[in-house]
Amino acid sequence: MKVIIPLAGKGTRLRPHTHITPKPMLKVAGKPVMAYILEDLERLGSVDQVVYITGHLKEKVEEYTRKAFSIPAVFIEQKVQDGTAGAVELARPYVDQPVLIIFVDTIFDADLSVIDRTDADGIIWVKTVEDYQRFGVVVTDADGHMTKIVEKPKTPISKRANIGLYYIRNWKLLYEGIAHVLKQPKNQGEYFLTDAFQYMIDKGARIKEKGRARVPAGIDRAQVIEPVYIEDGVTLVGSRVGPNVSLGAGTVIENATIRDTITGDNCRIANSTLSNSLIGDEVVVTGVHGEASVGSHSEVRSDTGK
């Protein structure tokens, strides 16, 4: 099996964190996001080659992956960022067998060994979300086979969001679909890989839906709403945490409500309500209500904020 990992994005929504660190190398729960993915691939044991599609700070990505992981790799720069279909198209010269496509915007807890047991033409991993308009969403039949995939729908046709993890057994039909997409007008200003999947379905391909979540253990002093990732040594007191929260080792959450947020190690968040936030290492946040992007070794206090 070949693996394609698109990494070309600049991570503009994560600035200032991504000015000097590539988005896939930002740390979640103590290690870079892409490390979780590559460790899973090494354990899988059936990967012949990883094709990295690089861009912003590509030298740092290449240096890190070559040093930390042993899977044979090739690096291709995406000079024109025209969408996910364009990124996967760059890997075409290296794909001659089934392919796993992984976008590193999401940390997933998925049983990749299901690849060896499926008879479908592909698998798409999904997660149920409420804010479906931010994602590509999947509609399935009664057997769990995808019938439609729609990018950022304006009507609630589904709440099953694709998380950027795909296995495609029928790689020839995939690239036929990508070629078709690249000949069409752009969809919302981009060439979406999901439109190539829709082409495959329309041609009779069976793409199976899969989903899985991680549940923390041993937390009894707070309300935890999965999915979350909580490192050892985290202290939760009188707080509500989740969904979609990652807390680094040594972090203390006290009398706070946090969702859709990542913190680094050894942070303290108190008397706050945070959402859609990214907090670096050793940060103190007190009395803050709203969204925040705070670099490491910083303090943000608004003790009178309500």
Protein backbone atom coordinates (compact mmCIF):
# COMPACT_ATOMS: atom_id res chain seq x y z
CA MET A 1 0.00 0.00 0.00
CA LYS A 2 1.09 3.58 -0.72
CA VAL A 3 0.27 6.52 1.56
CA ILE A 4 -0.27 10.14 0.51
CA ILE A 5 0.01 12.86 3.17
CA PRO A 6 -0.76 16.41 1.96
CA LEU A 7 1.11 18.96 4.11
CA ALA A 8 1.32 22.07 1.94
CA GLY A 9 -1.01 24.41 3.84
CA LYS A 10 0.31 27.52 5.55
CA GLY A 11 -1.89 27.13 8.62
CA THR A 12 -3.06 30.73 8.47
CA ARG A 13 -5.86 30.15 10.99
CA LEU A 14 -3.28 28.92 13.52
CA ARG A 15 -1.02 31.96 13.40
CA PRO A 16 1.13 33.02 15.24
CA HIS A 17 1.88 29.37 16.07
CA THR A 18 2.59 28.47 12.42
CA HIS A 19 4.89 31.36 11.55
CA ILE A 20 7.94 29.22 12.34
CA THR A 21 6.40 25.77 12.87
CA PRO A 22 4.59 23.85 10.09
CA LYS A 23 1.00 23.04 11.00
CA PRO A 24 1.55 19.25 11.02
CA MET A 25 4.40 19.70 13.50
CA LEU A 26 2.37 21.61 16.08
CA LYS A 27 2.23 19.57 19.27
CA VAL A 28 -0.94 18.02 20.64
CA ALA A 29 -0.69 16.05 23.89
CA GLY A 30 3.09 16.22 23.90
CA LYS A 31 4.08 15.40 20.33
CA PRO A 32 3.59 16.67 16.77
CA VAL A 33 0.23 15.93 15.17
CA MET A 34 1.88 14.07 12.30
CA ALA A 35 3.77 11.82 14.72
CA TYR A 36 0.54 10.10 15.76
CA ILE A 37 -0.23 9.32 12.14
CA LEU A 38 3.23 8.06 11.24
CA GLU A 39 3.44 5.88 14.34
CA ASP A 40 0.14 4.24 13.32
CA LEU A 41 1.53 3.64 9.84
CA GLU A 42 4.69 2.01 11.19
CA ARG A 43 2.59 -0.31 13.35
CA LEU A 44 0.43 -1.20 10.35
CA GLY A 45 3.47 -2.71 8.67
CA SER A 46 2.08 -2.82 5.13
CA VAL A 47 3.17 0.59 3.85
CA ASP A 48 5.64 0.49 0.95
CA GLN A 49 6.10 4.26 0.60
CA VAL A 50 4.82 7.57 1.93
CA VAL A 51 4.37 10.43 -0.54
CA TYR A 52 4.49 13.77 1.28
CA ILE A 53 2.99 16.77 -0.53
CA THR A 54 4.83 19.70 1.03
CA GLY A 55 4.75 23.48 0.86
CA HIS A 56 5.08 25.92 3.77
CA LEU A 57 8.33 25.33 5.71
CA LYS A 58 8.86 22.15 3.70
CA GLU A 59 12.50 21.77 4.80
CA LYS A 60 11.45 21.38 8.45
CA VAL A 61 8.86 18.74 7.55
CA GLU A 62 11.33 16.75 5.49
CA GLU A 63 14.08 16.94 8.13
CA TYR A 64 11.72 15.79 10.88
CA THR A 65 10.18 12.88 9.01
CA ARG A 66 13.48 11.56 7.68
CA LYS A 67 15.01 11.65 11.15
CA ALA A 68 12.08 10.27 13.16
CA PHE A 69 10.57 7.60 10.89
CA SER A 70 11.92 4.75 8.79
CA ILE A 71 9.18 4.28 6.15
CA PRO A 72 10.54 4.96 2.62
CA ALA A 73 9.45 8.41 1.55
CA VAL A 74 9.35 10.87 -1.33
CA PHE A 75 8.68 14.61 -1.04
CA ILE A 76 6.82 16.69 -3.66
CA GLU A 77 6.29 20.43 -3.36
CA GLN A 78 2.82 21.75 -4.15
CA LYS A 79 3.69 25.14 -5.62
CA VAL A 80 0.10 26.04 -6.54
CA GLN A 81 -2.35 25.29 -3.75
CA ASP A 82 -5.48 24.69 -5.77
CA GLY A 83 -7.22 22.23 -3.47
CA THR A 84 -7.08 18.69 -2.14
CA ALA A 85 -7.61 17.04 -5.52
CA GLY A 86 -4.65 18.98 -6.91
CA ALA A 87 -2.49 17.84 -4.02
CA VAL A 88 -3.29 14.15 -4.48
CA GLU A 89 -2.82 14.47 -8.26
CA LEU A 90 0.85 15.35 -7.65
CA ALA A 91 1.38 11.88 -6.17
CA ARG A 92 0.05 10.11 -9.28
CA PRO A 93 3.51 9.03 -10.63
CA TYR A 94 4.14 7.08 -7.40
CA VAL A 95 0.76 5.36 -6.99
CA ASP A 96 0.56 1.88 -8.49
CA GLN A 97 -1.46 0.06 -5.80
CA PRO A 98 -4.14 0.76 -3.16
CA VAL A 99 -3.59 4.04 -1.37
CA LEU A 100 -4.26 5.54 2.05
CA ILE A 101 -4.76 9.32 1.99
CA ILE A 102 -4.29 11.17 5.28
CA PHE A 103 -4.77 14.85 6.00
CA VAL A 104 -3.07 15.82 9.25
CA ASP A 105 -5.64 18.37 10.43
CA THR A 106 -7.18 15.69 12.63
CA ILE A 107 -5.80 13.27 15.20
CA PHE A 108 -7.76 10.06 14.79
CA ASP A 109 -8.10 6.88 16.78
CA ALA A 110 -8.91 4.43 14.01
CA ASP A 111 -8.36 0.73 13.53
CA LEU A 112 -6.40 0.83 10.27
CA SER A 113 -6.23 -2.97 10.17
CA VAL A 114 -9.81 -2.90 8.84
CA ILE A 115 -8.14 -2.16 5.50
CA ASP A 116 -7.04 -5.79 5.32
CA ARG A 117 -10.57 -7.08 5.95
CA THR A 118 -12.72 -4.96 3.65
CA ASP A 119 -14.00 -5.96 0.24
CA ALA A 120 -15.17 -2.40 -0.54
CA ASP A 121 -13.53 -0.17 -3.15
CA GLY A 122 -12.66 2.24 -0.38
CA ILE A 123 -13.23 3.38 3.21
CA ILE A 124 -13.92 6.87 4.47
CA TRP A 125 -13.65 7.58 8.20
CA VAL A 126 -16.19 9.99 9.69
CA LYS A 127 -17.20 11.67 12.94
CA THR A 128 -20.60 13.01 13.97
CA VAL A 129 -20.55 16.80 14.41
CA GLU A 130 -23.10 19.52 15.07
CA ASP A 131 -21.41 22.27 13.00
CA TYR A 132 -21.79 20.28 9.77
CA GLN A 133 -21.50 23.37 7.56
CA ARG A 134 -17.74 23.51 8.22
CA PHE A 135 -17.04 20.07 6.73
CA GLY A 136 -17.54 17.69 3.90
CA VAL A 137 -20.37 15.45 5.07
CA VAL A 138 -21.25 11.89 4.10
CA VAL A 139 -24.65 10.39 3.30
CA THR A 140 -24.89 6.59 3.38
CA ASP A 141 -27.35 3.83 2.61
CA ALA A 142 -28.63 1.30 5.15
CA ASP A 143 -25.49 -0.82 4.73
CA GLY A 144 -23.11 2.04 5.53
CA HIS A 145 -21.99 2.58 1.93
CA MET A 146 -21.56 6.20 0.89
CA THR A 147 -24.16 7.51 -1.57
CA LYS A 148 -23.18 11.17 -1.53
CA ILE A 149 -20.47 13.45 -0.15
CA VAL A 150 -21.04 17.21 -0.04
CA GLU A 151 -18.55 19.93 0.86
CA LYS A 152 -19.81 22.44 3.45
CA PRO A 153 -23.52 21.89 2.88
CA LYS A 154 -25.96 24.72 3.50
CA THR A 155 -28.76 22.31 4.44
CA PRO A 156 -28.54 19.57 7.13
CA ILE A 157 -28.35 16.52 4.86
CA SER A 158 -25.93 14.78 7.26
CA LYS A 159 -23.91 15.38 10.40
CA ARG A 160 -21.28 12.73 9.58
CA ALA A 161 -18.17 14.75 8.74
CA ASN A 162 -15.24 13.20 6.93
CA ILE A 163 -12.10 13.59 9.03
CA GLY A 164 -9.55 13.48 6.23
CA LEU A 165 -8.70 9.77 6.34
CA TYR A 166 -9.42 7.63 3.28
CA TYR A 167 -8.46 4.20 2.01
CA ILE A 168 -8.93 3.65 -1.72
CA ARG A 169 -8.50 0.14 -3.09
CA ASN A 170 -9.58 1.13 -6.62
CA TRP A 171 -6.79 3.66 -7.13
CA LYS A 172 -7.19 3.72 -10.91
CA LEU A 173 -10.79 4.89 -10.62
CA LEU A 174 -9.68 7.45 -8.01
CA TYR A 175 -7.27 9.07 -10.44
CA GLU A 176 -9.85 8.89 -13.20
CA GLY A 177 -12.12 10.85 -10.88
CA ILE A 178 -9.41 13.39 -10.05
CA ALA A 179 -8.73 13.94 -13.75
CA HIS A 180 -12.45 14.57 -14.24
CA VAL A 181 -12.56 17.06 -11.35
CA LEU A 182 -9.55 19.01 -12.59
CA LYS A 183 -11.29 19.56 -15.94
CA GLN A 184 -14.35 21.11 -14.28
CA PRO A 185 -14.82 24.65 -12.91
CA LYS A 186 -13.55 24.96 -9.34
CA ASN A 187 -15.98 24.14 -6.54
CA GLN A 188 -16.06 27.06 -4.07
CA GLY A 189 -12.71 28.17 -5.48
CA GLU A 190 -10.98 24.77 -5.11
CA TYR A 191 -10.64 21.33 -6.64
CA PHE A 192 -11.98 19.02 -3.91
CA LEU A 193 -10.86 15.42 -3.54
CA THR A 194 -14.34 14.64 -2.26
CA ASP A 195 -15.72 15.48 -5.71
CA ALA A 196 -13.49 12.70 -7.09
CA PHE A 197 -15.02 10.33 -4.53
CA GLN A 198 -18.49 11.34 -5.75
CA TYR A 199 -17.35 10.53 -9.30
CA MET A 200 -16.27 7.08 -8.08
CA ILE A 201 -19.65 6.47 -6.45
CA ASP A 202 -21.47 7.57 -9.58
CA LYS A 203 -19.38 5.01 -11.50
CA GLY A 204 -20.51 2.25 -9.14
CA ALA A 205 -17.75 2.19 -6.52
CA ARG A 206 -18.65 1.07 -2.99
CA ILE A 207 -17.03 3.26 -0.34
CA LYS A 208 -17.66 2.18 3.24
CA GLU A 209 -18.09 4.55 6.20
CA LYS A 210 -16.20 3.97 9.43
CA GLY A 211 -16.11 5.87 12.74
CA ARG A 212 -14.44 5.57 16.13
CA ALA A 213 -13.73 7.80 19.15
CA ARG A 214 -11.34 7.87 22.13
CA VAL A 215 -12.74 7.95 25.66
CA PRO A 216 -10.58 9.12 28.59
CA ALA A 217 -10.35 7.10 31.79
CA GLY A 218 -9.85 7.99 35.43
CA ILE A 219 -11.33 11.49 35.34
CA ASP A 220 -13.92 11.92 38.10
CA ARG A 221 -13.77 15.57 39.17
CA ALA A 222 -15.17 17.09 36.01
CA GLN A 223 -17.71 16.55 33.27
CA VAL A 224 -15.98 15.16 30.18
CA ILE A 225 -17.71 15.08 26.81
CA GLU A 226 -16.01 12.84 24.27
CA PRO A 227 -13.99 12.93 22.14
CA VAL A 228 -11.11 14.31 24.19
CA TYR A 229 -7.43 13.50 24.69
CA ILE A 230 -6.14 14.02 28.21
CA GLU A 231 -2.49 13.42 29.05
CA ASP A 232 -1.24 11.97 32.34
CA GLY A 233 -0.87 14.48 35.14
CA VAL A 234 -3.81 16.68 34.09
CA THR A 235 -5.94 18.07 36.93
CA LEU A 236 -9.61 18.89 36.36
CA VAL A 237 -11.60 20.59 39.11
CA GLY A 238 -15.20 21.75 38.79
CA SER A 239 -14.95 21.97 35.01
CA ARG A 240 -16.64 20.85 31.82
CA VAL A 241 -14.24 19.64 29.12
CA GLY A 242 -15.12 18.64 25.56
CA PRO A 243 -15.99 17.81 22.96
CA ASN A 244 -12.86 18.02 20.79
CA VAL A 245 -10.36 18.97 23.49
CA SER A 246 -6.72 17.95 23.93
CA LEU A 247 -4.96 18.76 27.21
CA GLY A 248 -1.18 18.50 27.56
CA ALA A 249 0.64 16.90 30.50
CA GLY A 250 0.61 18.84 33.76
CA THR A 251 -2.23 21.14 32.74
CA VAL A 252 -4.70 22.34 35.39
CA ILE A 253 -8.29 23.21 34.48
CA GLU A 254 -10.24 24.81 37.31
CA ASN A 255 -13.82 26.08 37.23
CA ALA A 256 -13.72 26.35 33.46
CA THR A 257 -15.69 25.23 30.42
CA ILE A 258 -13.57 24.24 27.41
CA ARG A 259 -14.52 22.83 24.01
CA ASP A 260 -12.87 22.60 20.57
CA THR A 261 -9.55 23.56 22.14
CA ILE A 262 -5.95 22.33 22.30
CA THR A 263 -3.55 23.16 25.12
CA GLY A 264 0.14 22.46 25.46
CA ASP A 265 1.86 21.17 28.60
CA ASN A 266 1.76 22.71 32.08
CA CYS A 267 -0.99 25.24 31.41
CA ARG A 268 -3.42 26.68 33.94
CA ILE A 269 -6.90 27.70 32.82
CA ALA A 270 -9.23 29.01 35.51
CA ASN A 271 -12.61 30.71 35.70
CA SER A 272 -12.80 30.77 31.92
CA THR A 273 -14.99 29.65 29.03
CA LEU A 274 -12.93 28.77 25.95
CA SER A 275 -13.87 27.44 22.52
CA ASN A 276 -12.07 27.17 19.18
CA SER A 277 -8.80 27.97 20.93
CA LEU A 278 -5.15 27.00 20.66
CA ILE A 279 -2.99 27.42 23.76
CA GLY A 280 0.79 26.87 23.81
CA ASP A 281 2.95 25.40 26.61
CA GLU A 282 3.09 26.90 30.11
CA VAL A 283 0.29 29.40 29.53
CA VAL A 284 -1.91 30.94 32.22
CA VAL A 285 -5.45 31.93 31.22
CA THR A 286 -7.72 33.41 33.88
CA GLY A 287 -11.16 34.96 33.54
CA VAL A 288 -11.27 34.75 29.74
CA HIS A 289 -14.53 34.03 27.92
CA GLY A 290 -14.45 33.45 24.17
CA GLU A 291 -11.79 32.30 21.69
CA ALA A 292 -8.02 32.60 22.14
CA SER A 293 -4.78 31.82 20.32
CA VAL A 294 -1.98 32.17 22.84
CA GLY A 295 1.71 31.43 22.29
CA SER A 296 3.83 29.51 24.80
CA HIS A 297 5.01 31.09 28.08
CA SER A 298 2.26 33.72 28.08
CA GLU A 299 -0.35 34.96 30.54
CA VAL A 300 -3.83 36.26 29.70
CA ARG A 301 -5.85 37.55 32.62
CA SER A 302 -9.25 39.23 32.74
CA ASP A 303 -10.35 38.55 36.27
CA THR A 304 -13.38 40.78 35.93
CA GLY A 305 -14.53 39.16 32.66
CA LYS A 306 -17.88 37.36 32.73
